[in-house]
Amino acid sequence: MGNTVGSANVDFCDLPRNEEYAYMFGLWCADGYHRTSSIGLSNTDPDLIQRFSGFLRTLFPVERVKMRIYEPDSKKRRTRAYHVYVNSRPLLRTFKAWRLSPRNFVAARLIVPYMAGRFDGDGSVASDFYCDCRIVYSNAEEAEQDGAFLREVGFEKIKIYHYVQARTFCLYVSRLETKQFLSSIYVHSTRLQKSAFAPRRDLIVV
């Protein structure tokens, strides 16, 4: 019998390279949670939590997938927050290995769904879906890597800014390419599909 995710022998080579995994990996890189032996997602969007929970349930028995809900707190939280996770060293090793060497997993055909996950977790765009399209990062290396990924699929006008006081790095997509970027990730993006954005099929990156 082959290895399963719960097996101590599983490593990152055992999991499939497909679009849904690429999206989940991007989402986890943006809003992921991990401790010594657990991995999960923390977010205020119940739809993102539900999608990640569904992903975990394809790998583990339902009883292993845990959910915590944090109600609004006048001092710390203004909105309800969710935390879904599973105790699994093998899956944690897998995602951490991919994050250390993303090109070991994110092949050219998986860049768009991966970036959709990144955008859903830490991205934003103005209400006109035209300007201020950006993804926030905590370190320069990941921002630069994702900038390189986007250039690989045809987005040339990428800029990265370092906001020293906020200790963040922002990857900006040019206004000239924002509609093309959003159209390309739309089919994978939970957030965009809930929004008023209407993708132009002629702009979708294949």
Protein backbone atom coordinates (compact mmCIF):
# COMPACT_ATOMS: atom_id res chain seq x y z
CA MET A 1 0.00 0.00 0.00
CA GLY A 2 1.30 3.48 -0.83
CA ASN A 3 2.00 6.18 1.71
CA THR A 4 -0.84 8.32 3.04
CA VAL A 5 -0.65 11.84 4.42
CA GLY A 6 -0.81 10.50 7.94
CA SER A 7 2.23 8.33 7.41
CA ALA A 8 5.56 9.34 8.90
CA ASN A 9 7.24 8.46 5.58
CA VAL A 10 5.43 11.04 3.46
CA ASP A 11 7.43 13.97 2.11
CA PHE A 12 6.59 16.80 -0.25
CA CYS A 13 7.29 14.63 -3.31
CA ASP A 14 4.22 12.51 -2.57
CA LEU A 15 1.49 15.12 -2.99
CA PRO A 16 0.06 15.98 -6.42
CA ARG A 17 1.05 19.02 -8.41
CA ASN A 18 -2.34 20.32 -9.47
CA GLU A 19 -4.21 23.63 -9.57
CA GLU A 20 -6.16 23.16 -6.34
CA TYR A 21 -3.04 22.29 -4.37
CA ALA A 22 -1.29 25.29 -5.91
CA TYR A 23 -4.14 27.57 -4.81
CA MET A 24 -4.15 26.11 -1.29
CA PHE A 25 -0.40 26.46 -1.05
CA GLY A 26 -0.60 30.12 -2.09
CA LEU A 27 -3.43 30.76 0.38
CA TRP A 28 -1.48 29.09 3.17
CA CYS A 29 1.64 31.14 2.34
CA ALA A 30 -0.49 34.26 2.75
CA ASP A 31 -2.61 33.42 5.81
CA GLY A 32 -1.29 30.10 6.96
CA TYR A 33 -0.92 28.93 10.51
CA HIS A 34 1.62 26.42 11.77
CA ARG A 35 3.05 25.15 15.00
CA THR A 36 5.37 22.25 15.79
CA SER A 37 3.00 19.60 14.49
CA SER A 38 -0.08 21.41 13.18
CA ILE A 39 -0.94 23.32 10.03
CA GLY A 40 -3.98 25.38 9.15
CA LEU A 41 -5.47 28.68 8.08
CA SER A 42 -6.57 31.75 10.03
CA ASN A 43 -8.91 34.20 8.33
CA THR A 44 -12.01 36.34 8.80
CA ASP A 45 -13.56 35.17 5.52
CA PRO A 46 -15.74 32.11 6.20
CA ASP A 47 -15.68 31.12 2.54
CA LEU A 48 -11.88 30.89 2.49
CA ILE A 49 -11.97 28.92 5.74
CA GLN A 50 -14.58 26.57 4.31
CA ARG A 51 -12.54 26.02 1.17
CA PHE A 52 -9.37 25.27 3.11
CA SER A 53 -11.30 23.03 5.48
CA GLY A 54 -12.66 21.12 2.49
CA PHE A 55 -9.13 20.71 1.19
CA LEU A 56 -7.99 19.27 4.53
CA ARG A 57 -10.96 16.89 4.56
CA THR A 58 -9.83 15.41 1.27
CA LEU A 59 -6.63 14.38 3.04
CA PHE A 60 -7.77 13.48 6.55
CA PRO A 61 -10.79 11.96 8.32
CA VAL A 62 -13.36 14.61 9.26
CA GLU A 63 -12.70 14.18 12.99
CA ARG A 64 -9.05 15.22 12.56
CA VAL A 65 -9.92 18.62 11.09
CA LYS A 66 -10.41 21.11 13.92
CA MET A 67 -12.16 24.49 13.85
CA ARG A 68 -11.99 27.39 16.26
CA ILE A 69 -14.13 30.53 16.08
CA TYR A 70 -13.13 33.78 17.76
CA GLU A 71 -15.93 36.21 18.38
CA PRO A 72 -15.40 39.99 18.01
CA ASP A 73 -13.54 41.60 20.88
CA SER A 74 -13.79 45.34 21.45
CA LYS A 75 -10.08 45.49 22.27
CA LYS A 76 -8.45 43.18 19.73
CA ARG A 77 -10.93 41.93 17.11
CA ARG A 78 -13.69 43.80 15.35
CA THR A 79 -14.88 40.89 13.25
CA ARG A 80 -15.34 37.19 13.79
CA ALA A 81 -12.19 35.20 13.04
CA TYR A 82 -11.82 31.54 12.13
CA HIS A 83 -9.03 29.08 12.56
CA VAL A 84 -9.06 25.67 10.89
CA TYR A 85 -6.20 23.24 11.34
CA VAL A 86 -5.06 19.65 11.49
CA ASN A 87 -2.30 17.99 13.46
CA SER A 88 0.01 16.55 10.82
CA ARG A 89 3.78 16.77 10.74
CA PRO A 90 3.95 15.28 7.20
CA LEU A 91 1.66 17.90 5.67
CA LEU A 92 3.46 20.65 7.57
CA ARG A 93 6.81 19.39 6.28
CA THR A 94 5.41 19.34 2.76
CA PHE A 95 4.15 22.93 2.78
CA LYS A 96 7.25 24.23 4.55
CA ALA A 97 9.49 22.51 2.01
CA TRP A 98 7.50 24.02 -0.85
CA ARG A 99 7.75 27.45 0.76
CA LEU A 100 11.52 27.22 1.14
CA SER A 101 11.89 26.19 -2.51
CA PRO A 102 8.66 27.20 -4.28
CA ARG A 103 9.96 26.31 -7.71
CA ASN A 104 10.07 22.69 -6.60
CA PHE A 105 6.28 22.81 -6.69
CA VAL A 106 5.05 25.87 -8.62
CA ALA A 107 5.62 24.87 -12.23
CA ALA A 108 4.67 27.34 -14.96
CA ARG A 109 1.18 25.85 -15.33
CA LEU A 110 0.54 26.32 -11.59
CA ILE A 111 1.66 29.94 -11.24
CA VAL A 112 -1.79 31.44 -11.86
CA PRO A 113 -3.71 29.32 -9.29
CA TYR A 114 -0.87 29.79 -6.80
CA MET A 115 -1.06 33.57 -7.24
CA ALA A 116 -4.85 33.39 -6.86
CA GLY A 117 -4.31 31.88 -3.41
CA ARG A 118 -1.80 34.56 -2.54
CA PHE A 119 -4.21 37.25 -3.67
CA ASP A 120 -7.15 35.79 -1.74
CA GLY A 121 -5.07 35.68 1.42
CA ASP A 122 -3.10 38.93 1.33
CA GLY A 123 -4.15 40.79 -1.79
CA SER A 124 -6.38 43.77 -2.47
CA VAL A 125 -7.55 45.98 -5.32
CA ALA A 126 -9.51 49.21 -5.51
CA SER A 127 -13.29 49.03 -5.90
CA ASP A 128 -12.95 49.93 -9.59
CA PHE A 129 -10.81 46.81 -10.14
CA TYR A 130 -8.36 49.03 -11.97
CA CYS A 131 -5.87 50.53 -9.55
CA ASP A 132 -3.96 49.70 -6.39
CA CYS A 133 -3.78 45.96 -7.09
CA ARG A 134 -1.28 44.57 -4.62
CA ILE A 135 -0.25 41.62 -2.49
CA VAL A 136 1.41 42.12 0.88
CA TYR A 137 4.40 40.10 2.10
CA SER A 138 6.38 39.93 5.31
CA ASN A 139 9.72 39.44 3.55
CA ALA A 140 11.42 40.57 0.37
CA GLU A 141 12.38 37.10 -0.83
CA GLU A 142 8.81 35.89 -1.27
CA ALA A 143 7.70 39.14 -2.87
CA GLU A 144 10.55 38.97 -5.36
CA GLN A 145 9.90 35.30 -6.08
CA ASP A 146 6.25 35.97 -6.83
CA GLY A 147 7.21 38.94 -8.98
CA ALA A 148 9.41 36.57 -10.98
CA PHE A 149 6.53 34.10 -11.25
CA LEU A 150 4.23 36.78 -12.65
CA ARG A 151 6.81 37.90 -15.18
CA GLU A 152 7.10 34.28 -16.26
CA VAL A 153 3.41 34.26 -17.25
CA GLY A 154 3.54 37.58 -19.06
CA PHE A 155 3.12 40.36 -16.49
CA GLU A 156 5.99 42.77 -17.08
CA LYS A 157 5.05 45.85 -15.08
CA ILE A 158 5.56 44.50 -11.56
CA LYS A 159 6.95 46.70 -8.79
CA ILE A 160 7.85 45.88 -5.20
CA TYR A 161 7.92 48.49 -2.46
CA HIS A 162 9.28 48.18 1.06
CA TYR A 163 7.24 49.95 3.74
CA VAL A 164 9.76 50.22 6.53
CA GLN A 165 7.47 51.35 9.34
CA ALA A 166 4.89 48.66 8.57
CA ARG A 167 7.67 46.09 8.02
CA THR A 168 5.97 44.84 4.90
CA PHE A 169 6.75 44.45 1.22
CA CYS A 170 4.06 45.10 -1.38
CA LEU A 171 4.00 43.62 -4.86
CA TYR A 172 2.07 45.97 -7.13
CA VAL A 173 0.52 45.06 -10.46
CA SER A 174 0.45 48.00 -12.89
CA ARG A 175 -2.89 49.58 -13.75
CA LEU A 176 -2.13 48.61 -17.33
CA GLU A 177 -2.12 44.92 -16.34
CA THR A 178 -4.57 44.79 -13.43
CA LYS A 179 -7.61 43.68 -15.42
CA GLN A 180 -5.50 41.02 -17.14
CA PHE A 181 -4.17 39.78 -13.80
CA LEU A 182 -7.60 39.65 -12.17
CA SER A 183 -9.10 37.91 -15.19
CA SER A 184 -6.34 35.30 -15.12
CA ILE A 185 -6.85 34.38 -11.45
CA TYR A 186 -10.65 34.75 -11.43
CA VAL A 187 -11.44 31.10 -12.14
CA HIS A 188 -9.44 30.09 -9.03
CA SER A 189 -10.19 33.04 -6.73
CA THR A 190 -12.91 32.68 -4.11
CA ARG A 191 -12.77 36.39 -3.31
CA LEU A 192 -13.09 37.62 -6.89
CA GLN A 193 -15.95 35.26 -7.64
CA LYS A 194 -17.86 36.80 -4.72
CA SER A 195 -17.13 40.33 -5.94
CA ALA A 196 -18.58 42.46 -8.71
CA PHE A 197 -15.56 41.87 -10.92
CA ALA A 198 -16.42 40.55 -14.37
CA PRO A 199 -13.47 38.86 -16.10
CA ARG A 200 -12.76 39.50 -19.75
CA ARG A 201 -12.16 36.15 -21.39
CA ASP A 202 -9.84 37.67 -23.99
CA LEU A 203 -7.52 38.82 -21.21
CA ILE A 204 -7.19 35.49 -19.44
CA VAL A 205 -3.66 34.14 -19.32
CA VAL A 206 -3.47 30.53 -20.44
